C-alpha cells in the first residue's frame, strides 16, 4: 500500500501541474518516480516511454499506468492512470458546469498562474535535454545526435518560433507522428542492414498473454462500471457517445492539439455545437493542466449529457463516461503494446529505437517549450502587458527555476509554489 500511496500522490501532483501536453510531462514524471521517490528504475521508465510513444491515446496516462504496473501490479496500473487524469478532468467539468456563474477574473488568474507553471516545466524539460546530451557526450555519433535534436525541433517547432517573434513569415511544420514515423522507418532500415559479424542468437521472451489479457480486461471492466450512470440516465445516446469516444482515442496520434482536430470531426455538431466546442471547451482545456484527450472527452460528455438529459447530473454522468473511455482506451491499448514490446525489445531494430527515442523526444521537448511560450503569450498579452513583457516574465521565472534547481537544490513542490505565486503577483501588478 505504501508504493500505491506514493504513486497516487505523485500522479495527482503531476496532474495538477501538467501543462504542456504529454511530451512535456515525460521529465516531470521521471523527476517524481525515478529521481525523487525511486518507484521504478531509469531503464523501466524508458521502457514505458517507448511503449507509450508507439501507442495512440493520452501519453501521460499511459506512462503513469505503466509506472504503476511496474511498481504495484494491476492496482498500481489503475491508480497511476486514474490519478494522472483526475485533476484536469475535475477542473474542466467544474468550469464547464459553472461557466455561467463565473466571471472572467477567475479565468484570468488561472491564465496568470500558467505563466509560472510554464517556466517551471521549461526548467524540467531543459534538464531532460541536458541529460540526453550528457548521456551521449562520449559517443562517436554525438554530433549527429545533436543534429537530430536540432532538426526535430526545427521541423516540428520552427513555425512556432516565427509566430512568437512575429517574424512575418512561416516555415513548413511537420507533426509529431510524421517525425516518429520517419524515425521508425530509419531505425528499421538501419536495423535490418547486413551485420558485419555473426552475433550470438538472441533468446526472445514469450509474450505474456495472461497478464496482458488480465490488464485489458480490468480496463474494460473499469469502462463498463463508470459508464453505468450514463446508461441509466441517457440510455439511448450513451452507446453512440462511448463508441465515438473510444474510436477517437485510438486515432489519437501526435499529441493534444492533433486530438482536437479528431474530436472536431467526430463530435461536432452531433454531440456538441461548434460554438460551445471552440469558444468554451477548447479555451478551457488549453488553459487547464492535464491530458487534452481526457479533458476534451469529459467536457464533450458533460455538454452532451446536460443537453440531452436536461440536468447537470446527466452531464456529470456522461462526463464520467467520457473520462472512463479516455483512460480505458489509452491504457488498454498501451498495455498490449507494452507486453508486445517486451517480446520484441531484443530485436536489433527495437534496440536502435530504444537508443534513439530519447534523442527524438529531446527535440520534441524543445518544440513543447516553444509551444508553451506561444500559448502563454496568446493567453496573457494585452495593452497593459504586451507579448514581449509576457516573454520576459516567463524567462525570468525560468532562470530563477534553473537557479533554484541547481544551486538551491529545491524540491519540485517548492519551485512550483514560488513560480505560481511570483507569476500571479507580477502579472497582476503589470496588468492593472
Protein backbone atom coordinates (compact mmCIF):
# COMPACT_ATOMS: atom_id res chain seq x y z
CA UNK A 1 0.00 0.00 0.00
CA UNK A 2 2.93 2.33 0.63
CA UNK A 3 4.01 2.25 -3.01
CA UNK A 4 0.46 2.80 -4.26
CA UNK A 5 0.01 5.75 -1.90
CA UNK A 6 3.29 7.29 -3.00
CA UNK A 7 2.47 6.65 -6.67
CA UNK A 8 -1.02 8.15 -6.33
CA UNK A 9 0.34 11.28 -4.63
CA UNK A 10 2.96 11.75 -7.37
CA UNK A 11 0.47 11.29 -10.20
CA UNK A 12 -2.09 13.63 -8.62
CA UNK A 13 0.59 16.28 -8.19
CA UNK A 14 1.80 15.81 -11.76
CA UNK A 15 -1.80 16.01 -12.99
CA UNK A 16 -2.24 19.34 -11.22
CA UNK A 17 0.89 20.90 -12.75
CA UNK A 18 0.63 19.04 -16.06
CA UNK A 19 0.67 21.91 -18.52
CA UNK A 20 2.12 21.44 -21.99
CA UNK A 21 0.81 18.03 -23.03
CA UNK A 22 2.22 14.52 -22.97
CA UNK A 23 5.81 15.09 -24.10
CA UNK A 24 6.20 17.91 -21.57
CA UNK A 25 5.31 15.55 -18.74
CA UNK A 26 7.95 12.93 -19.56
CA UNK A 27 10.68 14.65 -17.50
CA UNK A 28 8.17 15.81 -14.87
CA UNK A 29 7.04 12.23 -14.18
CA UNK A 30 10.64 11.00 -14.34
CA UNK A 31 11.68 13.52 -11.71
CA UNK A 32 8.91 12.26 -9.42
CA UNK A 33 9.01 8.48 -9.84
CA UNK A 34 12.67 7.87 -10.77
CA UNK A 35 14.76 10.60 -9.16
CA UNK A 36 12.80 11.56 -6.04
CA UNK A 37 10.65 8.60 -4.95
CA UNK A 38 12.55 5.86 -6.82
CA UNK A 39 9.41 3.88 -7.56
CA UNK A 40 10.92 2.50 -10.79
CA UNK A 41 14.41 2.40 -12.30
CA UNK A 42 15.54 4.58 -15.20
CA UNK A 43 15.52 1.52 -17.51
CA UNK A 44 11.97 0.60 -16.51
CA UNK A 45 10.81 4.17 -17.06
CA UNK A 46 12.44 4.35 -20.50
CA UNK A 47 10.55 1.18 -21.47
CA UNK A 48 7.26 2.90 -20.54
CA UNK A 49 8.19 5.93 -22.64
CA UNK A 50 8.93 3.83 -25.72
CA UNK A 51 5.72 1.79 -25.44
CA UNK A 52 3.66 4.95 -24.84
CA UNK A 53 5.27 6.77 -27.76
CA UNK A 54 4.36 3.89 -30.10
CA UNK A 55 0.76 3.82 -28.81
CA UNK A 56 -2.25 6.01 -29.69
CA UNK A 57 -4.06 7.73 -26.86
CA UNK A 58 -3.11 10.00 -23.95
CA UNK A 59 0.65 9.62 -23.45
CA UNK A 60 0.84 10.84 -19.80
CA UNK A 61 -1.93 8.45 -18.74
CA UNK A 62 -0.15 5.57 -20.48
CA UNK A 63 3.19 6.34 -18.83
CA UNK A 64 1.50 6.73 -15.43
CA UNK A 65 -0.29 3.40 -15.75
CA UNK A 66 2.93 1.71 -16.94
CA UNK A 67 4.87 3.06 -13.95
CA UNK A 68 2.04 1.92 -11.67
CA UNK A 69 2.06 -1.57 -13.16
CA UNK A 70 5.81 -1.95 -12.70
CA UNK A 71 5.84 -0.84 -9.08
CA UNK A 72 2.49 -2.24 -7.78
CA UNK A 73 0.89 -4.52 -10.38
CA UNK A 74 -2.74 -4.15 -11.53
CA UNK A 75 -3.72 -1.92 -8.60
CA UNK A 76 -0.81 0.38 -9.33
CA UNK A 77 -1.76 0.44 -13.02
CA UNK A 78 -5.27 1.64 -12.16
CA UNK A 79 -4.05 4.13 -9.56
CA UNK A 80 -1.45 5.65 -11.87
CA UNK A 81 -3.73 6.19 -14.86
CA UNK A 82 -6.72 7.44 -12.86
CA UNK A 83 -4.78 9.81 -10.60
CA UNK A 84 -2.96 11.35 -13.55
CA UNK A 85 -6.24 12.08 -15.36
CA UNK A 86 -8.37 13.14 -12.38
CA UNK A 87 -7.26 16.75 -11.62
CA UNK A 88 -7.61 18.12 -15.16
CA UNK A 89 -10.92 16.32 -15.70
CA UNK A 90 -12.47 17.63 -12.47
CA UNK A 91 -11.36 21.19 -13.22
CA UNK A 92 -12.69 21.00 -16.79
CA UNK A 93 -16.12 19.71 -15.81
CA UNK A 94 -16.31 22.15 -12.89
CA UNK A 95 -15.58 25.14 -15.10
CA UNK A 96 -17.99 23.98 -17.82
CA UNK A 97 -20.80 23.40 -15.32
CA UNK A 98 -20.19 26.70 -13.56
CA UNK A 99 -19.22 28.79 -16.57
CA UNK A 100 -22.37 30.87 -16.46
CA UNK A 101 -21.73 31.76 -12.79
CA UNK A 102 -18.05 32.60 -13.10
CA UNK A 103 -16.69 35.98 -14.12
CA UNK A 104 -13.56 36.50 -16.15
CA UNK A 105 -11.46 37.27 -13.06
CA UNK A 106 -11.03 33.62 -12.07
CA UNK A 107 -10.07 32.57 -15.61
CA UNK A 108 -7.62 35.45 -15.74
CA UNK A 109 -5.90 34.28 -12.53
CA UNK A 110 -5.62 30.75 -13.94
CA UNK A 111 -4.00 32.20 -17.04
CA UNK A 112 -1.57 34.25 -14.92
CA UNK A 113 -0.68 31.17 -12.88
CA UNK A 114 0.03 29.24 -16.09
CA UNK A 115 2.93 31.64 -16.81
CA UNK A 116 4.79 30.48 -13.70
CA UNK A 117 3.91 26.82 -14.23
CA UNK A 118 5.15 27.14 -17.83
CA UNK A 119 8.51 28.44 -16.57
CA UNK A 120 8.77 25.57 -14.05
CA UNK A 121 8.01 22.92 -16.70
CA UNK A 122 10.52 24.52 -19.07
CA UNK A 123 13.16 24.05 -16.35
CA UNK A 124 12.43 20.32 -16.10
CA UNK A 125 12.38 19.97 -19.89
CA UNK A 126 15.77 21.67 -20.05
CA UNK A 127 17.18 19.22 -17.51
CA UNK A 128 15.90 16.27 -19.56
CA UNK A 129 17.52 17.62 -22.74
CA UNK A 130 20.80 18.32 -20.91
CA UNK A 131 20.64 14.78 -19.54
CA UNK A 132 20.38 13.45 -23.10
CA UNK A 133 23.40 15.48 -24.20
CA UNK A 134 25.33 14.26 -21.17
CA UNK A 135 24.35 10.64 -21.87
CA UNK A 136 25.85 10.74 -25.37
CA UNK A 137 28.70 13.20 -24.82
CA UNK A 138 31.35 10.47 -25.28
CA UNK A 139 29.63 8.76 -28.22
CA UNK A 140 31.33 8.97 -31.59
CA UNK A 141 27.89 9.82 -33.03
CA UNK A 142 27.29 12.71 -30.60
CA UNK A 143 27.42 15.46 -33.26
CA UNK A 144 24.98 13.51 -35.42
CA UNK A 145 22.66 13.04 -32.43
CA UNK A 146 22.83 16.76 -31.62
CA UNK A 147 21.89 17.50 -35.22
CA UNK A 148 18.89 15.18 -34.88
CA UNK A 149 17.70 17.10 -31.80
CA UNK A 150 18.01 20.44 -33.60
CA UNK A 151 16.49 19.02 -36.79
CA UNK A 152 13.46 17.58 -35.00
CA UNK A 153 12.94 20.93 -33.27
CA UNK A 154 13.15 22.93 -36.50
CA UNK A 155 10.82 20.54 -38.32
CA UNK A 156 8.15 20.49 -35.61
CA UNK A 157 8.60 23.85 -33.89
CA UNK A 158 10.24 26.24 -36.35
CA UNK A 159 6.92 27.80 -37.31
CA UNK A 160 6.06 28.38 -33.64
CA UNK A 161 9.29 30.33 -33.14
CA UNK A 162 8.36 32.52 -36.14
CA UNK A 163 4.97 33.22 -34.58
CA UNK A 164 6.42 34.06 -31.16
CA UNK A 165 8.74 36.71 -32.57
CA UNK A 166 6.26 37.92 -35.21
CA UNK A 167 8.70 37.10 -37.99
CA UNK A 168 6.14 37.84 -40.72
CA UNK A 169 6.72 34.53 -42.47
CA UNK A 170 6.18 30.86 -41.73
CA UNK A 171 8.11 27.66 -42.32
CA UNK A 172 6.72 24.21 -43.12
CA UNK A 173 5.62 22.33 -40.00
CA UNK A 174 5.75 18.57 -39.56
CA UNK A 175 3.64 16.78 -36.98
CA UNK A 176 5.00 14.63 -34.16
CA UNK A 177 3.63 11.47 -35.72
CA UNK A 178 5.30 12.26 -39.07
CA UNK A 179 8.67 12.68 -37.34
CA UNK A 180 8.18 9.46 -35.37
CA UNK A 181 7.22 7.53 -38.50
CA UNK A 182 10.35 8.73 -40.31
CA UNK A 183 12.43 7.80 -37.26
CA UNK A 184 10.91 4.34 -37.05
CA UNK A 185 11.46 3.81 -40.78
CA UNK A 186 15.11 4.85 -40.42
CA UNK A 187 15.55 2.50 -37.44
CA UNK A 188 14.03 -0.38 -39.40
CA UNK A 189 16.27 0.21 -42.43
CA UNK A 190 19.37 0.56 -40.24
CA UNK A 191 18.42 -2.39 -38.03
CA UNK A 192 17.82 -4.74 -40.98
CA UNK A 193 21.13 -4.00 -42.64
CA UNK A 194 23.58 -6.93 -43.01
CA UNK A 195 25.68 -7.40 -39.88
CA UNK A 196 29.46 -7.42 -40.29
CA UNK A 197 29.96 -10.14 -37.73
CA UNK A 198 27.74 -13.02 -36.82
CA UNK A 199 26.27 -12.40 -33.43
CA UNK A 200 25.08 -14.87 -30.90
CA UNK A 201 21.46 -15.78 -31.49
CA UNK A 202 19.23 -14.00 -29.03
CA UNK A 203 16.57 -15.67 -27.00
CA UNK A 204 13.19 -13.99 -27.11
CA UNK A 205 10.79 -13.77 -24.24
CA UNK A 206 7.40 -15.31 -24.78
CA UNK A 207 4.52 -12.84 -24.90
CA UNK A 208 2.78 -12.82 -21.53
CA UNK A 209 -0.75 -13.32 -22.81
CA UNK A 210 -2.35 -13.98 -19.43
CA UNK A 211 -1.27 -10.74 -17.68
CA UNK A 212 -1.84 -8.82 -20.92
CA UNK A 213 -5.43 -10.11 -21.19
CA UNK A 214 -5.95 -9.52 -17.47
CA UNK A 215 -4.86 -5.90 -17.70
CA UNK A 216 -7.01 -5.19 -20.77
CA UNK A 217 -9.94 -6.92 -19.05
CA UNK A 218 -9.56 -4.71 -15.98
CA UNK A 219 -9.65 -1.56 -18.10
CA UNK A 220 -12.71 -2.86 -19.97
CA UNK A 221 -14.46 -3.50 -16.65
CA UNK A 222 -13.46 -0.01 -15.48
CA UNK A 223 -15.05 1.45 -18.63
CA UNK A 224 -18.28 -0.53 -18.16
CA UNK A 225 -18.71 0.34 -14.47
CA UNK A 226 -18.11 4.08 -14.92
CA UNK A 227 -20.48 4.20 -17.92
CA UNK A 228 -23.42 2.71 -15.96
CA UNK A 229 -24.70 6.07 -14.58
CA UNK A 230 -24.81 7.50 -18.12
CA UNK A 231 -26.66 4.43 -19.44
CA UNK A 232 -29.22 4.78 -16.65
CA UNK A 233 -29.86 8.49 -17.24
CA UNK A 234 -29.43 8.59 -21.04
CA UNK A 235 -29.95 5.01 -22.29
CA UNK A 236 -30.22 5.91 -25.99
CA UNK A 237 -27.29 8.26 -26.55
CA UNK A 238 -24.62 6.76 -24.28
CA UNK A 239 -23.62 3.84 -26.52
CA UNK A 240 -23.08 6.14 -29.51
CA UNK A 241 -21.05 8.59 -27.44
CA UNK A 242 -18.90 5.81 -25.95
CA UNK A 243 -18.22 4.34 -29.38
CA UNK A 244 -17.14 7.71 -30.78
CA UNK A 245 -15.00 8.35 -27.69
CA UNK A 246 -13.14 5.04 -27.98
CA UNK A 247 -12.58 5.46 -31.73
CA UNK A 248 -11.28 9.00 -31.23
CA UNK A 249 -8.85 7.80 -28.53
CA UNK A 250 -7.50 5.03 -30.75
CA UNK A 251 -6.98 7.55 -33.57
CA UNK A 252 -5.13 9.98 -31.32
CA UNK A 253 -1.54 10.14 -32.54
CA UNK A 254 0.52 13.32 -32.41
CA UNK A 255 -0.49 14.92 -29.12
CA UNK A 256 -3.31 17.01 -27.75
CA UNK A 257 -3.58 19.62 -30.49
CA UNK A 258 -3.94 16.84 -33.05
CA UNK A 259 -6.68 15.25 -30.93
CA UNK A 260 -8.75 18.45 -31.03
CA UNK A 261 -8.92 18.05 -34.81
CA UNK A 262 -10.09 14.45 -34.42
CA UNK A 263 -12.68 15.49 -31.82
CA UNK A 264 -13.98 18.20 -34.13
CA UNK A 265 -14.56 15.68 -36.90
CA UNK A 266 -16.22 13.04 -34.70
CA UNK A 267 -18.28 15.09 -32.21
CA UNK A 268 -19.16 18.45 -33.84
CA UNK A 269 -22.07 19.12 -34.30
CA UNK A 270 -23.73 15.78 -33.40
CA UNK A 271 -22.68 15.80 -29.74
CA UNK A 272 -21.62 19.40 -29.12
CA UNK A 273 -22.17 22.61 -31.08
CA UNK A 274 -19.26 24.26 -32.86
CA UNK A 275 -19.72 27.40 -30.77
CA UNK A 276 -19.57 25.51 -27.47
CA UNK A 277 -16.66 23.38 -28.64
CA UNK A 278 -14.40 26.22 -29.79
CA UNK A 279 -15.50 29.14 -27.62
CA UNK A 280 -15.87 27.24 -24.35
CA UNK A 281 -14.30 23.79 -24.30
CA UNK A 282 -11.15 24.39 -26.37
CA UNK A 283 -10.38 27.52 -24.33
CA UNK A 284 -10.76 25.65 -21.04
CA UNK A 285 -8.73 22.55 -22.00
CA UNK A 286 -5.86 24.72 -23.22
CA UNK A 287 -5.79 26.79 -20.02
CA UNK A 288 -6.02 23.89 -17.57
CA UNK A 289 -3.40 21.21 -16.81
CA UNK A 290 -3.79 17.55 -17.71
CA UNK A 291 -4.31 15.37 -20.77
CA UNK A 292 -6.13 17.22 -23.56
CA UNK A 293 -7.71 13.97 -24.73
CA UNK A 294 -9.15 13.18 -21.30
CA UNK A 295 -10.31 16.75 -20.62
CA UNK A 296 -11.90 17.05 -24.06
CA UNK A 297 -13.84 13.78 -23.89
CA UNK A 298 -15.07 14.56 -20.38
CA UNK A 299 -16.06 18.07 -21.44
CA UNK A 300 -17.90 16.89 -24.55
CA UNK A 301 -19.62 14.25 -22.42
CA UNK A 302 -20.76 16.90 -19.94
CA UNK A 303 -22.10 19.22 -22.65
CA UNK A 304 -23.90 16.38 -24.44
CA UNK A 305 -25.31 14.86 -21.25
CA UNK A 306 -26.62 18.16 -19.95
CA UNK A 307 -28.25 19.00 -23.30
CA UNK A 308 -29.83 15.57 -23.87
CA UNK A 309 -30.57 14.63 -20.25
CA UNK A 310 -31.77 18.07 -19.27
CA UNK A 311 -29.86 18.24 -15.99
CA UNK A 312 -26.43 18.86 -14.53
CA UNK A 313 -26.44 15.31 -13.12
CA UNK A 314 -26.91 13.84 -16.59
CA UNK A 315 -23.96 15.98 -17.67
CA UNK A 316 -21.83 14.66 -14.84
CA UNK A 317 -22.78 11.06 -15.67
CA UNK A 318 -21.84 11.46 -19.33
CA UNK A 319 -18.62 13.27 -18.34
CA UNK A 320 -17.78 10.23 -16.21
CA UNK A 321 -18.34 8.01 -19.25
CA UNK A 322 -16.01 10.21 -21.33
CA UNK A 323 -13.42 10.06 -18.53
CA UNK A 324 -13.69 6.25 -18.49
CA UNK A 325 -13.41 5.95 -22.28
CA UNK A 326 -10.30 8.13 -22.48
CA UNK A 327 -8.44 6.22 -19.75
CA UNK A 328 -9.59 2.70 -20.67
CA UNK A 329 -8.88 3.08 -24.41
CA UNK A 330 -5.48 4.73 -23.89
CA UNK A 331 -4.22 2.46 -21.11
CA UNK A 332 -5.77 -0.70 -22.55
CA UNK A 333 -4.02 -0.42 -25.92
CA UNK A 334 -0.83 0.70 -24.13
CA UNK A 335 -0.91 -2.47 -22.05
CA UNK A 336 -1.00 -4.58 -25.22
CA UNK A 337 1.89 -2.68 -26.84
CA UNK A 338 3.85 -2.82 -23.58
CA UNK A 339 3.77 -6.64 -23.49
CA UNK A 340 4.44 -6.98 -27.22
CA UNK A 341 7.40 -4.63 -26.86
CA UNK A 342 8.80 -6.79 -24.03
CA UNK A 343 8.80 -9.66 -26.54
CA UNK A 344 10.38 -7.64 -29.35
CA UNK A 345 12.85 -5.47 -27.43
CA UNK A 346 15.86 -7.72 -28.21
CA UNK A 347 15.41 -7.42 -31.97
CA UNK A 348 18.10 -5.14 -33.39
CA UNK A 349 15.52 -2.69 -34.77
CA UNK A 350 13.98 -2.16 -31.35
CA UNK A 351 17.39 -1.86 -29.71
CA UNK A 352 18.08 1.05 -32.06
CA UNK A 353 14.65 2.57 -31.40
CA UNK A 354 15.33 2.36 -27.67
CA UNK A 355 18.57 4.29 -28.12
CA UNK A 356 17.25 6.96 -30.47
CA UNK A 357 13.85 7.60 -28.87
CA UNK A 358 15.29 9.81 -26.10
CA UNK A 359 17.07 11.92 -28.72
CA UNK A 360 13.82 12.36 -30.68
CA UNK A 361 11.91 13.20 -27.51
CA UNK A 362 14.54 15.82 -26.62
CA UNK A 363 13.97 17.56 -29.95
CA UNK A 364 10.20 17.40 -29.43
CA UNK A 365 10.60 18.90 -25.95
CA UNK A 366 12.21 21.98 -27.49
CA UNK A 367 9.06 22.27 -29.60
CA UNK A 368 6.93 21.84 -26.47
CA UNK A 369 8.85 24.67 -24.80
CA UNK A 370 8.19 26.91 -27.80
CA UNK A 371 4.51 25.92 -27.75
CA UNK A 372 4.22 26.68 -24.03
CA UNK A 373 5.74 30.12 -24.56
CA UNK A 374 3.43 30.84 -27.50
CA UNK A 375 0.38 29.71 -25.52
CA UNK A 376 1.38 31.83 -22.54
CA UNK A 377 1.80 34.91 -24.74
CA UNK A 378 -1.53 34.38 -26.51
CA UNK A 379 -3.44 33.92 -23.25
CA UNK A 380 -1.89 36.80 -21.29
CA UNK A 381 -0.78 39.55 -23.66
CA UNK A 382 -2.87 42.74 -23.81
CA UNK A 383 -2.40 46.50 -23.98
CA UNK A 384 -1.05 46.69 -20.43
CA UNK A 385 1.13 43.61 -20.85
CA UNK A 386 2.39 43.25 -24.46
CA UNK A 387 3.81 40.00 -25.80
CA UNK A 388 7.46 40.83 -25.14
CA UNK A 389 6.62 41.59 -21.48
CA UNK A 390 4.98 38.18 -21.08
CA UNK A 391 8.01 36.60 -22.77
CA UNK A 392 10.34 38.41 -20.36
CA UNK A 393 8.32 37.27 -17.32
CA UNK A 394 8.43 33.66 -18.49
CA UNK A 395 12.21 33.70 -18.99
CA UNK A 396 12.91 35.50 -15.70
CA UNK A 397 10.93 32.89 -13.73
CA UNK A 398 12.52 30.16 -15.89
CA UNK A 399 16.02 31.42 -15.00
CA UNK A 400 15.00 31.55 -11.33
CA UNK A 401 13.85 27.92 -11.51
CA UNK A 402 17.16 26.83 -13.04
CA UNK A 403 18.98 28.61 -10.22
CA UNK A 404 16.77 27.04 -7.55
CA UNK A 405 17.18 23.60 -9.15
CA UNK A 406 20.98 23.67 -9.41
CA UNK A 407 22.13 25.99 -6.62
CA UNK A 408 19.25 25.89 -4.17
CA UNK A 409 18.61 22.14 -4.59
CA UNK A 410 14.89 22.90 -4.21
CA UNK A 411 12.23 20.22 -4.42
CA UNK A 412 9.62 20.37 -7.15
CA UNK A 413 6.84 21.48 -4.80
CA UNK A 414 8.83 24.47 -3.53
CA UNK A 415 9.70 25.53 -7.09
CA UNK A 416 6.07 25.21 -8.14
CA UNK A 417 4.82 27.36 -5.26
CA UNK A 418 7.45 30.04 -5.90
CA UNK A 419 6.71 30.11 -9.65
CA UNK A 420 2.94 30.08 -9.10
CA UNK A 421 3.00 32.94 -6.56
CA UNK A 422 5.52 35.06 -8.43
CA UNK A 423 3.67 34.84 -11.76
CA UNK A 424 0.30 35.79 -10.24
CA UNK A 425 1.78 38.74 -8.31
CA UNK A 426 3.87 40.11 -11.19
CA UNK A 427 1.15 39.67 -13.84
CA UNK A 428 -1.49 41.32 -11.64
CA UNK A 429 0.77 44.27 -10.90
CA UNK A 430 1.75 44.82 -14.54
CA UNK A 431 -1.75 44.07 -15.88
CA UNK A 432 -3.53 46.59 -13.63
